Amino acid sequence: TERSFRIFRLRGLWSQCLLLTGERREAAQAAVDAELDAMGAEPEGER
């Protein structure tokens, strides 16, 4: 349950990164994707 909720929150954070611009957006989304990948979930960028 904790893992699922953490993945849910990270996917929401990835969407919030769309409010950023340029390199900041890419860096933030890459960090969230790396965290999702480390948890064994499909990265949001791929989804």
ModelCIF file with pLDDT and N, C-alpha, C, O atoms, coordinates in Angstrom:
data_MODEL
#
_entry.id   MODEL 
#
_entity.id                         1 
_entity.type                       polymer 
_entity.pdbx_number_of_molecules   1 
#
_entity_poly.entity_id                      1 
_entity_poly.type                           'polypeptide(L)' 
_entity_poly.nstd_linkage                   no 
_entity_poly.nstd_monomer                   no 
_entity_poly.pdbx_seq_one_letter_code       TERSFRIFRLRGLWSQCLLLTGERREAAQAAVDAELDAMGAEPEGER 
_entity_poly.pdbx_seq_one_letter_code_can   TERSFRIFRLRGLWSQCLLLTGERREAAQAAVDAELDAMGAEPEGER 
_entity_poly.pdbx_strand_id                 A 
#
loop_
_entity_poly_seq.entity_id 
_entity_poly_seq.num 
_entity_poly_seq.mon_id 
_entity_poly_seq.hetero 
1 1  THR n 
1 2  GLU n 
1 3  ARG n 
1 4  SER n 
1 5  PHE n 
1 6  ARG n 
1 7  ILE n 
1 8  PHE n 
1 9  ARG n 
1 10 LEU n 
1 11 ARG n 
1 12 GLY n 
1 13 LEU n 
1 14 TRP n 
1 15 SER n 
1 16 GLN n 
1 17 CYS n 
1 18 LEU n 
1 19 LEU n 
1 20 LEU n 
1 21 THR n 
1 22 GLY n 
1 23 GLU n 
1 24 ARG n 
1 25 ARG n 
1 26 GLU n 
1 27 ALA n 
1 28 ALA n 
1 29 GLN n 
1 30 ALA n 
1 31 ALA n 
1 32 VAL n 
1 33 ASP n 
1 34 ALA n 
1 35 GLU n 
1 36 LEU n 
1 37 ASP n 
1 38 ALA n 
1 39 MET n 
1 40 GLY n 
1 41 ALA n 
1 42 GLU n 
1 43 PRO n 
1 44 GLU n 
1 45 GLY n 
1 46 GLU n 
1 47 ARG n 
#
_struct_asym.id          A 
_struct_asym.entity_id   1 
#
loop_
_ma_qa_metric.id 
_ma_qa_metric.mode 
_ma_qa_metric.name 
_ma_qa_metric.software_group_id 
_ma_qa_metric.type 
1 global pLDDT . pLDDT 
2 local  pLDDT . pLDDT 
#
_ma_qa_metric_global.metric_id      1 
_ma_qa_metric_global.metric_value   93.36 
_ma_qa_metric_global.model_id       1 
_ma_qa_metric_global.ordinal_id     1 
#
loop_
_ma_qa_metric_local.label_asym_id 
_ma_qa_metric_local.label_comp_id 
_ma_qa_metric_local.label_seq_id 
_ma_qa_metric_local.metric_id 
_ma_qa_metric_local.metric_value 
_ma_qa_metric_local.model_id 
_ma_qa_metric_local.ordinal_id 
A THR 1  2 91.00 1 1  
A GLU 2  2 92.00 1 2  
A ARG 3  2 94.00 1 3  
A SER 4  2 94.00 1 4  
A PHE 5  2 94.00 1 5  
A ARG 6  2 94.00 1 6  
A ILE 7  2 94.00 1 7  
A PHE 8  2 95.00 1 8  
A ARG 9  2 95.00 1 9  
A LEU 10 2 94.00 1 10 
A ARG 11 2 94.00 1 11 
A GLY 12 2 94.00 1 12 
A LEU 13 2 94.00 1 13 
A TRP 14 2 93.00 1 14 
A SER 15 2 92.00 1 15 
A GLN 16 2 94.00 1 16 
A CYS 17 2 94.00 1 17 
A LEU 18 2 91.00 1 18 
A LEU 19 2 94.00 1 19 
A LEU 20 2 94.00 1 20 
A THR 21 2 93.00 1 21 
A GLY 22 2 91.00 1 22 
A GLU 23 2 94.00 1 23 
A ARG 24 2 95.00 1 24 
A ARG 25 2 94.00 1 25 
A GLU 26 2 94.00 1 26 
A ALA 27 2 95.00 1 27 
A ALA 28 2 95.00 1 28 
A GLN 29 2 94.00 1 29 
A ALA 30 2 94.00 1 30 
A ALA 31 2 95.00 1 31 
A VAL 32 2 95.00 1 32 
A ASP 33 2 94.00 1 33 
A ALA 34 2 94.00 1 34 
A GLU 35 2 94.00 1 35 
A LEU 36 2 94.00 1 36 
A ASP 37 2 93.00 1 37 
A ALA 38 2 94.00 1 38 
A MET 39 2 92.00 1 39 
A GLY 40 2 92.00 1 40 
A ALA 41 2 93.00 1 41 
A GLU 42 2 92.00 1 42 
A PRO 43 2 93.00 1 43 
A GLU 44 2 92.00 1 44 
A GLY 45 2 89.00 1 45 
A GLU 46 2 91.00 1 46 
A ARG 47 2 91.00 1 47 
#
loop_
_atom_site.group_PDB 
_atom_site.id 
_atom_site.type_symbol 
_atom_site.label_atom_id 
_atom_site.label_alt_id 
_atom_site.label_comp_id 
_atom_site.label_asym_id 
_atom_site.label_entity_id 
_atom_site.label_seq_id 
_atom_site.pdbx_PDB_ins_code 
_atom_site.Cartn_x 
_atom_site.Cartn_y 
_atom_site.Cartn_z 
_atom_site.occupancy 
_atom_site.B_iso_or_equiv 
_atom_site.pdbx_formal_charge 
_atom_site.auth_seq_id 
_atom_site.auth_comp_id 
_atom_site.auth_asym_id 
_atom_site.auth_atom_id 
_atom_site.pdbx_PDB_model_num 
ATOM 1   N N  . THR A 1 1  ? 0.832  -1.204 0.000   1.00 91.00 ? 1  THR A N  1 
ATOM 2   C CA . THR A 1 1  ? 0.000  0.000  0.000   1.00 91.00 ? 1  THR A CA 1 
ATOM 3   C C  . THR A 1 1  ? 0.866  1.252  0.000   1.00 91.00 ? 1  THR A C  1 
ATOM 4   O O  . THR A 1 1  ? 0.603  2.198  -0.743  1.00 91.00 ? 1  THR A O  1 
ATOM 5   N N  . GLU A 1 2  ? 1.899  1.254  0.836   1.00 92.00 ? 2  GLU A N  1 
ATOM 6   C CA . GLU A 1 2  ? 2.812  2.401  0.883   1.00 92.00 ? 2  GLU A CA 1 
ATOM 7   C C  . GLU A 1 2  ? 3.515  2.607  -0.450  1.00 92.00 ? 2  GLU A C  1 
ATOM 8   O O  . GLU A 1 2  ? 3.655  3.740  -0.908  1.00 92.00 ? 2  GLU A O  1 
ATOM 9   N N  . ARG A 1 3  ? 3.961  1.515  -1.078  1.00 94.00 ? 3  ARG A N  1 
ATOM 10  C CA . ARG A 1 3  ? 4.645  1.601  -2.371  1.00 94.00 ? 3  ARG A CA 1 
ATOM 11  C C  . ARG A 1 3  ? 3.706  2.166  -3.432  1.00 94.00 ? 3  ARG A C  1 
ATOM 12  O O  . ARG A 1 3  ? 4.084  3.052  -4.198  1.00 94.00 ? 3  ARG A O  1 
ATOM 13  N N  . SER A 1 4  ? 2.482  1.649  -3.473  1.00 94.00 ? 4  SER A N  1 
ATOM 14  C CA . SER A 1 4  ? 1.509  2.122  -4.463  1.00 94.00 ? 4  SER A CA 1 
ATOM 15  C C  . SER A 1 4  ? 1.212  3.605  -4.272  1.00 94.00 ? 4  SER A C  1 
ATOM 16  O O  . SER A 1 4  ? 1.121  4.360  -5.240  1.00 94.00 ? 4  SER A O  1 
ATOM 17  N N  . PHE A 1 5  ? 1.061  4.015  -3.013  1.00 94.00 ? 5  PHE A N  1 
ATOM 18  C CA . PHE A 1 5  ? 0.751  5.420  -2.764  1.00 94.00 ? 5  PHE A CA 1 
ATOM 19  C C  . PHE A 1 5  ? 1.943  6.304  -3.115  1.00 94.00 ? 5  PHE A C  1 
ATOM 20  O O  . PHE A 1 5  ? 1.764  7.415  -3.613  1.00 94.00 ? 5  PHE A O  1 
ATOM 21  N N  . ARG A 1 6  ? 3.145  5.825  -2.861  1.00 94.00 ? 6  ARG A N  1 
ATOM 22  C CA . ARG A 1 6  ? 4.344  6.601  -3.213  1.00 94.00 ? 6  ARG A CA 1 
ATOM 23  C C  . ARG A 1 6  ? 4.445  6.760  -4.730  1.00 94.00 ? 6  ARG A C  1 
ATOM 24  O O  . ARG A 1 6  ? 4.780  7.838  -5.222  1.00 94.00 ? 6  ARG A O  1 
ATOM 25  N N  . ILE A 1 7  ? 4.157  5.687  -5.472  1.00 94.00 ? 7  ILE A N  1 
ATOM 26  C CA . ILE A 1 7  ? 4.170  5.760  -6.936  1.00 94.00 ? 7  ILE A CA 1 
ATOM 27  C C  . ILE A 1 7  ? 3.116  6.753  -7.418  1.00 94.00 ? 7  ILE A C  1 
ATOM 28  O O  . ILE A 1 7  ? 3.372  7.552  -8.319  1.00 94.00 ? 7  ILE A O  1 
ATOM 29  N N  . PHE A 1 8  ? 1.931  6.698  -6.815  1.00 95.00 ? 8  PHE A N  1 
ATOM 30  C CA . PHE A 1 8  ? 0.848  7.631  -7.154  1.00 95.00 ? 8  PHE A CA 1 
ATOM 31  C C  . PHE A 1 8  ? 1.302  9.078  -6.950  1.00 95.00 ? 8  PHE A C  1 
ATOM 32  O O  . PHE A 1 8  ? 1.079  9.927  -7.814  1.00 95.00 ? 8  PHE A O  1 
ATOM 33  N N  . ARG A 1 9  ? 1.935  9.358  -5.813  1.00 95.00 ? 9  ARG A N  1 
ATOM 34  C CA . ARG A 1 9  ? 2.401  10.716 -5.538  1.00 95.00 ? 9  ARG A CA 1 
ATOM 35  C C  . ARG A 1 9  ? 3.509  11.138 -6.488  1.00 95.00 ? 9  ARG A C  1 
ATOM 36  O O  . ARG A 1 9  ? 3.556  12.295 -6.905  1.00 95.00 ? 9  ARG A O  1 
ATOM 37  N N  . LEU A 1 10 ? 4.403  10.217 -6.838  1.00 94.00 ? 10 LEU A N  1 
ATOM 38  C CA . LEU A 1 10 ? 5.477  10.558 -7.773  1.00 94.00 ? 10 LEU A CA 1 
ATOM 39  C C  . LEU A 1 10 ? 4.927  10.866 -9.162  1.00 94.00 ? 10 LEU A C  1 
ATOM 40  O O  . LEU A 1 10 ? 5.425  11.765 -9.841  1.00 94.00 ? 10 LEU A O  1 
ATOM 41  N N  . ARG A 1 11 ? 3.900  10.124 -9.590  1.00 94.00 ? 11 ARG A N  1 
ATOM 42  C CA . ARG A 1 11 ? 3.289  10.412 -10.891 1.00 94.00 ? 11 ARG A CA 1 
ATOM 43  C C  . ARG A 1 11 ? 2.634  11.796 -10.879 1.00 94.00 ? 11 ARG A C  1 
ATOM 44  O O  . ARG A 1 11 ? 2.681  12.515 -11.877 1.00 94.00 ? 11 ARG A O  1 
ATOM 45  N N  . GLY A 1 12 ? 2.031  12.162 -9.765  1.00 94.00 ? 12 GLY A N  1 
ATOM 46  C CA . GLY A 1 12 ? 1.468  13.503 -9.631  1.00 94.00 ? 12 GLY A CA 1 
ATOM 47  C C  . GLY A 1 12 ? 2.546  14.565 -9.666  1.00 94.00 ? 12 GLY A C  1 
ATOM 48  O O  . GLY A 1 12 ? 2.363  15.623 -10.267 1.00 94.00 ? 12 GLY A O  1 
ATOM 49  N N  . LEU A 1 13 ? 3.671  14.288 -9.024  1.00 94.00 ? 13 LEU A N  1 
ATOM 50  C CA . LEU A 1 13 ? 4.789  15.221 -9.038  1.00 94.00 ? 13 LEU A CA 1 
ATOM 51  C C  . LEU A 1 13 ? 5.334  15.396 -10.450 1.00 94.00 ? 13 LEU A C  1 
ATOM 52  O O  . LEU A 1 13 ? 5.696  16.504 -10.845 1.00 94.00 ? 13 LEU A O  1 
ATOM 53  N N  . TRP A 1 14 ? 5.392  14.307 -11.212 1.00 93.00 ? 14 TRP A N  1 
ATOM 54  C CA . TRP A 1 14 ? 5.858  14.379 -12.597 1.00 93.00 ? 14 TRP A CA 1 
ATOM 55  C C  . TRP A 1 14 ? 4.955  15.338 -13.378 1.00 93.00 ? 14 TRP A C  1 
ATOM 56  O O  . TRP A 1 14 ? 5.441  16.144 -14.171 1.00 93.00 ? 14 TRP A O  1 
ATOM 57  N N  . SER A 1 15 ? 3.653  15.249 -13.155 1.00 92.00 ? 15 SER A N  1 
ATOM 58  C CA . SER A 1 15 ? 2.713  16.139 -13.846 1.00 92.00 ? 15 SER A CA 1 
ATOM 59  C C  . SER A 1 15 ? 2.896  17.587 -13.399 1.00 92.00 ? 15 SER A C  1 
ATOM 60  O O  . SER A 1 15 ? 2.770  18.507 -14.207 1.00 92.00 ? 15 SER A O  1 
ATOM 61  N N  . GLN A 1 16 ? 3.193  17.792 -12.121 1.00 94.00 ? 16 GLN A N  1 
ATOM 62  C CA . GLN A 1 16 ? 3.421  19.148 -11.627 1.00 94.00 ? 16 GLN A CA 1 
ATOM 63  C C  . GLN A 1 16 ? 4.681  19.758 -12.251 1.00 94.00 ? 16 GLN A C  1 
ATOM 64  O O  . GLN A 1 16 ? 4.792  20.978 -12.366 1.00 94.00 ? 16 GLN A O  1 
ATOM 65  N N  . CYS A 1 17 ? 5.617  18.913 -12.647 1.00 94.00 ? 17 CYS A N  1 
ATOM 66  C CA . CYS A 1 17 ? 6.843  19.398 -13.282 1.00 94.00 ? 17 CYS A CA 1 
ATOM 67  C C  . CYS A 1 17 ? 6.543  20.096 -14.611 1.00 94.00 ? 17 CYS A C  1 
ATOM 68  O O  . CYS A 1 17 ? 7.373  20.860 -15.104 1.00 94.00 ? 17 CYS A O  1 
ATOM 69  N N  . LEU A 1 18 ? 5.375  19.846 -15.193 1.00 91.00 ? 18 LEU A N  1 
ATOM 70  C CA . LEU A 1 18 ? 5.011  20.499 -16.444 1.00 91.00 ? 18 LEU A CA 1 
ATOM 71  C C  . LEU A 1 18 ? 4.857  22.001 -16.269 1.00 91.00 ? 18 LEU A C  1 
ATOM 72  O O  . LEU A 1 18 ? 4.865  22.742 -17.252 1.00 91.00 ? 18 LEU A O  1 
ATOM 73  N N  . LEU A 1 19 ? 4.718  22.458 -15.034 1.00 94.00 ? 19 LEU A N  1 
ATOM 74  C CA . LEU A 1 19 ? 4.617  23.892 -14.783 1.00 94.00 ? 19 LEU A CA 1 
ATOM 75  C C  . LEU A 1 19 ? 5.970  24.579 -14.922 1.00 94.00 ? 19 LEU A C  1 
ATOM 76  O O  . LEU A 1 19 ? 6.038  25.797 -15.090 1.00 94.00 ? 19 LEU A O  1 
ATOM 77  N N  . LEU A 1 20 ? 7.037  23.807 -14.853 1.00 94.00 ? 20 LEU A N  1 
ATOM 78  C CA . LEU A 1 20 ? 8.376  24.369 -15.026 1.00 94.00 ? 20 LEU A CA 1 
ATOM 79  C C  . LEU A 1 20 ? 8.664  24.565 -16.507 1.00 94.00 ? 20 LEU A C  1 
ATOM 80  O O  . LEU A 1 20 ? 7.889  24.132 -17.359 1.00 94.00 ? 20 LEU A O  1 
ATOM 81  N N  . THR A 1 21 ? 9.772  25.214 -16.810 1.00 93.00 ? 21 THR A N  1 
ATOM 82  C CA . THR A 1 21 ? 10.133 25.422 -18.206 1.00 93.00 ? 21 THR A CA 1 
ATOM 83  C C  . THR A 1 21 ? 11.536 24.917 -18.478 1.00 93.00 ? 21 THR A C  1 
ATOM 84  O O  . THR A 1 21 ? 12.381 24.854 -17.586 1.00 93.00 ? 21 THR A O  1 
ATOM 85  N N  . GLY A 1 22 ? 11.762 24.561 -19.722 1.00 91.00 ? 22 GLY A N  1 
ATOM 86  C CA . GLY A 1 22 ? 13.083 24.225 -20.230 1.00 91.00 ? 22 GLY A CA 1 
ATOM 87  C C  . GLY A 1 22 ? 13.829 23.136 -19.484 1.00 91.00 ? 22 GLY A C  1 
ATOM 88  O O  . GLY A 1 22 ? 13.303 22.054 -19.221 1.00 91.00 ? 22 GLY A O  1 
ATOM 89  N N  . GLU A 1 23 ? 15.075 23.456 -19.151 1.00 94.00 ? 23 GLU A N  1 
ATOM 90  C CA . GLU A 1 23 ? 15.959 22.476 -18.536 1.00 94.00 ? 23 GLU A CA 1 
ATOM 91  C C  . GLU A 1 23 ? 15.476 22.045 -17.163 1.00 94.00 ? 23 GLU A C  1 
ATOM 92  O O  . GLU A 1 23 ? 15.666 20.895 -16.768 1.00 94.00 ? 23 GLU A O  1 
ATOM 93  N N  . ARG A 1 24 ? 14.854 22.959 -16.436 1.00 95.00 ? 24 ARG A N  1 
ATOM 94  C CA . ARG A 1 24 ? 14.342 22.606 -15.109 1.00 95.00 ? 24 ARG A CA 1 
ATOM 95  C C  . ARG A 1 24 ? 13.283 21.519 -15.211 1.00 95.00 ? 24 ARG A C  1 
ATOM 96  O O  . ARG A 1 24 ? 13.267 20.572 -14.424 1.00 95.00 ? 24 ARG A O  1 
ATOM 97  N N  . ARG A 1 25 ? 12.394 21.669 -16.195 1.00 94.00 ? 25 ARG A N  1 
ATOM 98  C CA . ARG A 1 25 ? 11.345 20.663 -16.389 1.00 94.00 ? 25 ARG A CA 1 
ATOM 99  C C  . ARG A 1 25 ? 11.963 19.307 -16.698 1.00 94.00 ? 25 ARG A C  1 
ATOM 100 O O  . ARG A 1 25 ? 11.611 18.300 -16.084 1.00 94.00 ? 25 ARG A O  1 
ATOM 101 N N  . GLU A 1 26 ? 12.877 19.289 -17.644 1.00 94.00 ? 26 GLU A N  1 
ATOM 102 C CA . GLU A 1 26 ? 13.501 18.023 -18.042 1.00 94.00 ? 26 GLU A CA 1 
ATOM 103 C C  . GLU A 1 26 ? 14.249 17.387 -16.884 1.00 94.00 ? 26 GLU A C  1 
ATOM 104 O O  . GLU A 1 26 ? 14.178 16.173 -16.691 1.00 94.00 ? 26 GLU A O  1 
ATOM 105 N N  . ALA A 1 27 ? 14.972 18.204 -16.102 1.00 95.00 ? 27 ALA A N  1 
ATOM 106 C CA . ALA A 1 27 ? 15.736 17.678 -14.973 1.00 95.00 ? 27 ALA A CA 1 
ATOM 107 C C  . ALA A 1 27 ? 14.810 17.119 -13.892 1.00 95.00 ? 27 ALA A C  1 
ATOM 108 O O  . ALA A 1 27 ? 15.070 16.051 -13.339 1.00 95.00 ? 27 ALA A O  1 
ATOM 109 N N  . ALA A 1 28 ? 13.735 17.840 -13.596 1.00 95.00 ? 28 ALA A N  1 
ATOM 110 C CA . ALA A 1 28 ? 12.803 17.387 -12.566 1.00 95.00 ? 28 ALA A CA 1 
ATOM 111 C C  . ALA A 1 28 ? 12.092 16.109 -13.006 1.00 95.00 ? 28 ALA A C  1 
ATOM 112 O O  . ALA A 1 28 ? 11.949 15.173 -12.219 1.00 95.00 ? 28 ALA A O  1 
ATOM 113 N N  . GLN A 1 29 ? 11.647 16.068 -14.263 1.00 94.00 ? 29 GLN A N  1 
ATOM 114 C CA . GLN A 1 29 ? 10.970 14.871 -14.750 1.00 94.00 ? 29 GLN A CA 1 
ATOM 115 C C  . GLN A 1 29 ? 11.928 13.689 -14.815 1.00 94.00 ? 29 GLN A C  1 
ATOM 116 O O  . GLN A 1 29 ? 11.530 12.555 -14.545 1.00 94.00 ? 29 GLN A O  1 
ATOM 117 N N  . ALA A 1 30 ? 13.183 13.939 -15.168 1.00 94.00 ? 30 ALA A N  1 
ATOM 118 C CA . ALA A 1 30 ? 14.166 12.853 -15.194 1.00 94.00 ? 30 ALA A CA 1 
ATOM 119 C C  . ALA A 1 30 ? 14.413 12.320 -13.789 1.00 94.00 ? 30 ALA A C  1 
ATOM 120 O O  . ALA A 1 30 ? 14.586 11.115 -13.604 1.00 94.00 ? 30 ALA A O  1 
ATOM 121 N N  . ALA A 1 31 ? 14.430 13.210 -12.795 1.00 95.00 ? 31 ALA A N  1 
ATOM 122 C CA . ALA A 1 31 ? 14.626 12.773 -11.415 1.00 95.00 ? 31 ALA A CA 1 
ATOM 123 C C  . ALA A 1 31 ? 13.446 11.921 -10.940 1.00 95.00 ? 31 ALA A C  1 
ATOM 124 O O  . ALA A 1 31 ? 13.640 10.898 -10.283 1.00 95.00 ? 31 ALA A O  1 
ATOM 125 N N  . VAL A 1 32 ? 12.234 12.340 -11.270 1.00 95.00 ? 32 VAL A N  1 
ATOM 126 C CA . VAL A 1 32 ? 11.048 11.562 -10.883 1.00 95.00 ? 32 VAL A CA 1 
ATOM 127 C C  . VAL A 1 32 ? 11.046 10.221 -11.617 1.00 95.00 ? 32 VAL A C  1 
ATOM 128 O O  . VAL A 1 32 ? 10.748 9.188  -11.016 1.00 95.00 ? 32 VAL A O  1 
ATOM 129 N N  . ASP A 1 33 ? 11.377 10.228 -12.913 1.00 94.00 ? 33 ASP A N  1 
ATOM 130 C CA . ASP A 1 33 ? 11.438 8.971  -13.671 1.00 94.00 ? 33 ASP A CA 1 
ATOM 131 C C  . ASP A 1 33 ? 12.495 8.028  -13.092 1.00 94.00 ? 33 ASP A C  1 
ATOM 132 O O  . ASP A 1 33 ? 12.273 6.819  -13.024 1.00 94.00 ? 33 ASP A O  1 
ATOM 133 N N  . ALA A 1 34 ? 13.631 8.568  -12.679 1.00 94.00 ? 34 ALA A N  1 
ATOM 134 C CA . ALA A 1 34 ? 14.679 7.741  -12.081 1.00 94.00 ? 34 ALA A CA 1 
ATOM 135 C C  . ALA A 1 34 ? 14.197 7.124  -10.775 1.00 94.00 ? 34 ALA A C  1 
ATOM 136 O O  . ALA A 1 34 ? 14.485 5.962  -10.490 1.00 94.00 ? 34 ALA A O  1 
ATOM 137 N N  . GLU A 1 35 ? 13.467 7.896  -9.987  1.00 94.00 ? 35 GLU A N  1 
ATOM 138 C CA . GLU A 1 35 ? 12.932 7.380  -8.723  1.00 94.00 ? 35 GLU A CA 1 
ATOM 139 C C  . GLU A 1 35 ? 11.901 6.280  -8.978  1.00 94.00 ? 35 GLU A C  1 
ATOM 140 O O  . GLU A 1 35 ? 11.900 5.253  -8.300  1.00 94.00 ? 35 GLU A O  1 
ATOM 141 N N  . LEU A 1 36 ? 11.028 6.502  -9.954  1.00 94.00 ? 36 LEU A N  1 
ATOM 142 C CA . LEU A 1 36 ? 10.043 5.467  -10.296 1.00 94.00 ? 36 LEU A CA 1 
ATOM 143 C C  . LEU A 1 36 ? 10.736 4.206  -10.801 1.00 94.00 ? 36 LEU A C  1 
ATOM 144 O O  . LEU A 1 36 ? 10.351 3.093  -10.443 1.00 94.00 ? 36 LEU A O  1 
ATOM 145 N N  . ASP A 1 37 ? 11.748 4.382  -11.626 1.00 93.00 ? 37 ASP A N  1 
ATOM 146 C CA . ASP A 1 37 ? 12.494 3.242  -12.156 1.00 93.00 ? 37 ASP A CA 1 
ATOM 147 C C  . ASP A 1 37 ? 13.187 2.480  -11.032 1.00 93.00 ? 37 ASP A C  1 
ATOM 148 O O  . ASP A 1 37 ? 13.230 1.250  -11.047 1.00 93.00 ? 37 ASP A O  1 
ATOM 149 N N  . ALA A 1 38 ? 13.726 3.206  -10.061 1.00 94.00 ? 38 ALA A N  1 
ATOM 150 C CA . ALA A 1 38 ? 14.390 2.565  -8.925  1.00 94.00 ? 38 ALA A CA 1 
ATOM 151 C C  . ALA A 1 38 ? 13.401 1.768  -8.074  1.00 94.00 ? 38 ALA A C  1 
ATOM 152 O O  . ALA A 1 38 ? 13.769 0.781  -7.437  1.00 94.00 ? 38 ALA A O  1 
ATOM 153 N N  . MET A 1 39 ? 12.140 2.209  -8.073  1.00 92.00 ? 39 MET A N  1 
ATOM 154 C CA . MET A 1 39 ? 11.113 1.489  -7.315  1.00 92.00 ? 39 MET A CA 1 
ATOM 155 C C  . MET A 1 39 ? 10.567 0.294  -8.084  1.00 92.00 ? 39 MET A C  1 
ATOM 156 O O  . MET A 1 39 ? 9.798  -0.498 -7.538  1.00 92.00 ? 39 MET A O  1 
ATOM 157 N N  . GLY A 1 40 ? 10.956 0.159  -9.335  1.00 92.00 ? 40 GLY A N  1 
ATOM 158 C CA . GLY A 1 40 ? 10.463 -0.950 -10.140 1.00 92.00 ? 40 GLY A CA 1 
ATOM 159 C C  . GLY A 1 40 ? 9.186  -0.628 -10.892 1.00 92.00 ? 40 GLY A C  1 
ATOM 160 O O  . GLY A 1 40 ? 8.553  -1.524 -11.451 1.00 92.00 ? 40 GLY A O  1 
ATOM 161 N N  . ALA A 1 41 ? 8.796  0.649  -10.910 1.00 93.00 ? 41 ALA A N  1 
ATOM 162 C CA . ALA A 1 41 ? 7.586  1.064  -11.623 1.00 93.00 ? 41 ALA A CA 1 
ATOM 163 C C  . ALA A 1 41 ? 7.985  1.601  -12.993 1.00 93.00 ? 41 ALA A C  1 
ATOM 164 O O  . ALA A 1 41 ? 9.134  1.981  -13.222 1.00 93.00 ? 41 ALA A O  1 
ATOM 165 N N  . GLU A 1 42 ? 7.014  1.623  -13.891 1.00 92.00 ? 42 GLU A N  1 
ATOM 166 C CA . GLU A 1 42 ? 7.269  2.163  -15.225 1.00 92.00 ? 42 GLU A CA 1 
ATOM 167 C C  . GLU A 1 42 ? 7.449  3.675  -15.130 1.00 92.00 ? 42 GLU A C  1 
ATOM 168 O O  . GLU A 1 42 ? 6.600  4.354  -14.553 1.00 92.00 ? 42 GLU A O  1 
ATOM 169 N N  . PRO A 1 43 ? 8.527  4.215  -15.678 1.00 93.00 ? 43 PRO A N  1 
ATOM 170 C CA . PRO A 1 43 ? 8.710  5.674  -15.639 1.00 93.00 ? 43 PRO A CA 1 
ATOM 171 C C  . PRO A 1 43 ? 7.548  6.396  -16.323 1.00 93.00 ? 43 PRO A C  1 
ATOM 172 O O  . PRO A 1 43 ? 7.021  5.942  -17.339 1.00 93.00 ? 43 PRO A O  1 
ATOM 173 N N  . GLU A 1 44 ? 7.173  7.513  -15.746 1.00 92.00 ? 44 GLU A N  1 
ATOM 174 C CA . GLU A 1 44 ? 6.013  8.252  -16.249 1.00 92.00 ? 44 GLU A CA 1 
ATOM 175 C C  . GLU A 1 44 ? 6.234  8.762  -17.665 1.00 92.00 ? 44 GLU A C  1 
ATOM 176 O O  . GLU A 1 44 ? 5.283  8.832  -18.444 1.00 92.00 ? 44 GLU A O  1 
ATOM 177 N N  . GLY A 1 45 ? 7.457  9.118  -18.016 1.00 89.00 ? 45 GLY A N  1 
ATOM 178 C CA . GLY A 1 45 ? 7.743  9.566  -19.378 1.00 89.00 ? 45 GLY A CA 1 
ATOM 179 C C  . GLY A 1 45 ? 7.414  8.494  -20.395 1.00 89.00 ? 45 GLY A C  1 
ATOM 180 O O  . GLY A 1 45 ? 6.866  8.789  -21.457 1.00 89.00 ? 45 GLY A O  1 
ATOM 181 N N  . GLU A 1 46 ? 7.747  7.238  -20.077 1.00 91.00 ? 46 GLU A N  1 
ATOM 182 C CA . GLU A 1 46 ? 7.421  6.128  -20.975 1.00 91.00 ? 46 GLU A CA 1 
ATOM 183 C C  . GLU A 1 46 ? 5.916  5.904  -21.039 1.00 91.00 ? 46 GLU A C  1 
ATOM 184 O O  . GLU A 1 46 ? 5.371  5.614  -22.104 1.00 91.00 ? 46 GLU A O  1 
ATOM 185 N N  . ARG A 1 47 ? 5.244  6.038  -19.894 1.00 91.00 ? 47 ARG A N  1 
ATOM 186 C CA . ARG A 1 47 ? 3.780  5.872  -19.881 1.00 91.00 ? 47 ARG A CA 1 
ATOM 187 C C  . ARG A 1 47 ? 3.113  6.926  -20.743 1.00 91.00 ? 47 ARG A C  1 
ATOM 188 O O  . ARG A 1 47 ? 1.887  6.946  -20.855 1.00 91.00 ? 47 ARG A O  1 
#
